[in-house]
Amino acid sequence: MHKTEKPKETDEYLIAGWSKRYGREISLGEVYEINANLSAFVDVMERMDRYLKQKHRQKKPSEK
């Protein structure tokens, strides 16, 4: 197996998990779309966290 390939069991596990969550059969394409959307959401939240921490650090000196 090539390093970047993941076992077929992983895909089946994800399909089963998301199918249970949505209460219907989910395709592998839908699993990839869900995971891409979640990944994008996490990226946005991490950027927002860094932005808020930066704003907080900028506020601190002016409060003294």
N, C-alpha and C. Protein backbone atom coordinates (compact mmCIF):
# COMPACT_ATOMS: atom_id res chain seq x y z
N MET A 1 0.84 -1.18 0.00
CA MET A 1 0.00 0.00 0.00
C MET A 1 0.89 1.25 0.00
N HIS A 2 0.54 2.23 -0.81
CA HIS A 2 1.27 3.50 -0.87
C HIS A 2 1.04 4.27 0.42
N LYS A 3 2.02 5.08 0.81
CA LYS A 3 1.96 5.80 2.09
C LYS A 3 0.70 6.67 2.24
N THR A 4 0.28 7.34 1.15
CA THR A 4 -0.86 8.26 1.26
C THR A 4 -2.21 7.56 1.21
N GLU A 5 -2.23 6.28 0.83
CA GLU A 5 -3.49 5.55 0.78
C GLU A 5 -3.91 5.17 2.19
N LYS A 6 -5.21 5.20 2.42
CA LYS A 6 -5.69 4.74 3.72
C LYS A 6 -6.44 3.43 3.52
N PRO A 7 -6.49 2.61 4.54
CA PRO A 7 -7.17 1.33 4.40
C PRO A 7 -8.64 1.50 4.04
N LYS A 8 -9.16 0.58 3.28
CA LYS A 8 -10.58 0.61 2.90
C LYS A 8 -11.46 0.60 4.14
N GLU A 9 -11.00 -0.06 5.21
CA GLU A 9 -11.78 -0.11 6.45
C GLU A 9 -12.05 1.30 6.99
N THR A 10 -11.11 2.21 6.78
CA THR A 10 -11.29 3.58 7.25
C THR A 10 -12.48 4.22 6.54
N ASP A 11 -12.55 4.06 5.21
CA ASP A 11 -13.68 4.60 4.45
C ASP A 11 -14.99 3.99 4.93
N GLU A 12 -14.99 2.68 5.13
CA GLU A 12 -16.20 2.00 5.58
C GLU A 12 -16.61 2.48 6.97
N TYR A 13 -15.63 2.71 7.83
CA TYR A 13 -15.90 3.22 9.18
C TYR A 13 -16.53 4.61 9.11
N LEU A 14 -15.97 5.47 8.27
CA LEU A 14 -16.50 6.83 8.12
C LEU A 14 -17.91 6.81 7.54
N ILE A 15 -18.11 5.98 6.52
CA ILE A 15 -19.44 5.86 5.91
C ILE A 15 -20.46 5.40 6.95
N ALA A 16 -20.10 4.38 7.72
CA ALA A 16 -21.01 3.86 8.74
C ALA A 16 -21.32 4.92 9.80
N GLY A 17 -20.29 5.63 10.24
CA GLY A 17 -20.49 6.66 11.26
C GLY A 17 -21.37 7.80 10.80
N TRP A 18 -21.09 8.33 9.61
CA TRP A 18 -21.89 9.44 9.10
C TRP A 18 -23.29 8.99 8.71
N SER A 19 -23.42 7.76 8.21
CA SER A 19 -24.74 7.23 7.87
C SER A 19 -25.61 7.14 9.13
N LYS A 20 -25.01 6.68 10.22
CA LYS A 20 -25.74 6.59 11.49
C LYS A 20 -26.14 7.98 11.95
N ARG A 21 -25.22 8.93 11.84
CA ARG A 21 -25.48 10.30 12.28
C ARG A 21 -26.63 10.94 11.50
N TYR A 22 -26.65 10.72 10.16
CA TYR A 22 -27.66 11.33 9.31
C TYR A 22 -28.92 10.47 9.18
N GLY A 23 -28.88 9.24 9.67
CA GLY A 23 -30.05 8.38 9.61
C GLY A 23 -30.38 7.89 8.21
N ARG A 24 -29.40 7.90 7.33
CA ARG A 24 -29.57 7.38 5.97
C ARG A 24 -28.20 6.96 5.45
N GLU A 25 -28.20 6.23 4.35
CA GLU A 25 -26.94 5.77 3.76
C GLU A 25 -26.20 6.96 3.14
N ILE A 26 -24.96 7.14 3.50
CA ILE A 26 -24.11 8.22 3.00
C ILE A 26 -23.09 7.62 2.05
N SER A 27 -22.86 8.30 0.92
CA SER A 27 -21.87 7.80 -0.04
C SER A 27 -20.47 8.27 0.37
N LEU A 28 -19.46 7.62 -0.19
CA LEU A 28 -18.09 8.00 0.10
C LEU A 28 -17.83 9.44 -0.34
N GLY A 29 -18.41 9.85 -1.45
CA GLY A 29 -18.28 11.24 -1.91
C GLY A 29 -18.83 12.23 -0.90
N GLU A 30 -19.97 11.88 -0.31
CA GLU A 30 -20.55 12.75 0.72
C GLU A 30 -19.67 12.79 1.96
N VAL A 31 -19.06 11.66 2.31
CA VAL A 31 -18.14 11.62 3.45
C VAL A 31 -16.98 12.57 3.20
N TYR A 32 -16.41 12.53 2.00
CA TYR A 32 -15.29 13.43 1.67
C TYR A 32 -15.73 14.89 1.72
N GLU A 33 -16.95 15.17 1.26
CA GLU A 33 -17.47 16.54 1.29
C GLU A 33 -17.68 17.01 2.73
N ILE A 34 -18.25 16.15 3.56
CA ILE A 34 -18.46 16.48 4.98
C ILE A 34 -17.11 16.76 5.65
N ASN A 35 -16.14 15.88 5.42
CA ASN A 35 -14.83 16.05 6.04
C ASN A 35 -14.13 17.31 5.55
N ALA A 36 -14.29 17.64 4.26
CA ALA A 36 -13.69 18.87 3.72
C ALA A 36 -14.33 20.10 4.37
N ASN A 37 -15.65 20.07 4.53
CA ASN A 37 -16.34 21.18 5.17
C ASN A 37 -15.93 21.33 6.64
N LEU A 38 -15.80 20.22 7.33
CA LEU A 38 -15.36 20.27 8.73
C LEU A 38 -13.94 20.81 8.83
N SER A 39 -13.09 20.39 7.91
CA SER A 39 -11.71 20.86 7.91
C SER A 39 -11.66 22.37 7.66
N ALA A 40 -12.46 22.85 6.72
CA ALA A 40 -12.51 24.29 6.44
C ALA A 40 -13.03 25.04 7.66
N PHE A 41 -14.03 24.50 8.34
CA PHE A 41 -14.58 25.12 9.53
C PHE A 41 -13.52 25.23 10.63
N VAL A 42 -12.76 24.16 10.83
CA VAL A 42 -11.70 24.16 11.84
C VAL A 42 -10.65 25.21 11.49
N ASP A 43 -10.28 25.32 10.21
CA ASP A 43 -9.32 26.33 9.79
C ASP A 43 -9.81 27.73 10.13
N VAL A 44 -11.07 28.01 9.85
CA VAL A 44 -11.64 29.33 10.15
C VAL A 44 -11.63 29.59 11.65
N MET A 45 -12.00 28.59 12.43
CA MET A 45 -12.02 28.77 13.89
C MET A 45 -10.61 29.00 14.44
N GLU A 46 -9.62 28.31 13.89
CA GLU A 46 -8.23 28.52 14.34
C GLU A 46 -7.76 29.92 13.99
N ARG A 47 -8.11 30.39 12.78
CA ARG A 47 -7.72 31.76 12.39
C ARG A 47 -8.41 32.78 13.29
N MET A 48 -9.69 32.55 13.61
CA MET A 48 -10.41 33.47 14.48
C MET A 48 -9.78 33.48 15.87
N ASP A 49 -9.39 32.33 16.37
CA ASP A 49 -8.74 32.23 17.67
C ASP A 49 -7.44 33.02 17.69
N ARG A 50 -6.61 32.86 16.64
CA ARG A 50 -5.35 33.62 16.56
C ARG A 50 -5.63 35.12 16.50
N TYR A 51 -6.63 35.51 15.72
CA TYR A 51 -6.99 36.92 15.60
C TYR A 51 -7.42 37.50 16.95
N LEU A 52 -8.27 36.77 17.66
CA LEU A 52 -8.75 37.26 18.95
C LEU A 52 -7.63 37.33 19.98
N LYS A 53 -6.73 36.36 19.97
CA LYS A 53 -5.58 36.40 20.88
C LYS A 53 -4.68 37.59 20.56
N GLN A 54 -4.50 37.86 19.27
CA GLN A 54 -3.69 39.00 18.86
C GLN A 54 -4.35 40.31 19.31
N LYS A 55 -5.66 40.42 19.13
CA LYS A 55 -6.38 41.62 19.56
C LYS A 55 -6.28 41.79 21.07
N HIS A 56 -6.36 40.68 21.81
CA HIS A 56 -6.26 40.72 23.27
C HIS A 56 -4.88 41.21 23.69
N ARG A 57 -3.83 40.73 23.01
CA ARG A 57 -2.47 41.17 23.33
C ARG A 57 -2.29 42.65 23.01
N GLN A 58 -2.93 43.13 21.96
CA GLN A 58 -2.81 44.54 21.60
C GLN A 58 -3.52 45.42 22.62
N LYS A 59 -4.60 44.92 23.20
CA LYS A 59 -5.36 45.69 24.19
C LYS A 59 -4.61 45.83 25.50
N LYS A 60 -3.92 44.79 25.92
CA LYS A 60 -3.27 44.76 27.24
C LYS A 60 -2.39 45.98 27.53
N PRO A 61 -1.45 46.36 26.66
CA PRO A 61 -0.58 47.49 26.99
C PRO A 61 -1.35 48.80 27.18
N SER A 62 -2.42 49.01 26.44
CA SER A 62 -3.17 50.26 26.55
C SER A 62 -3.99 50.32 27.84
N GLU A 63 -4.24 49.18 28.46
CA GLU A 63 -4.99 49.15 29.71
C GLU A 63 -4.15 49.60 30.90
N LYS A 64 -2.83 49.52 30.78
CA LYS A 64 -1.94 49.87 31.90
C LYS A 64 -1.80 51.36 32.08
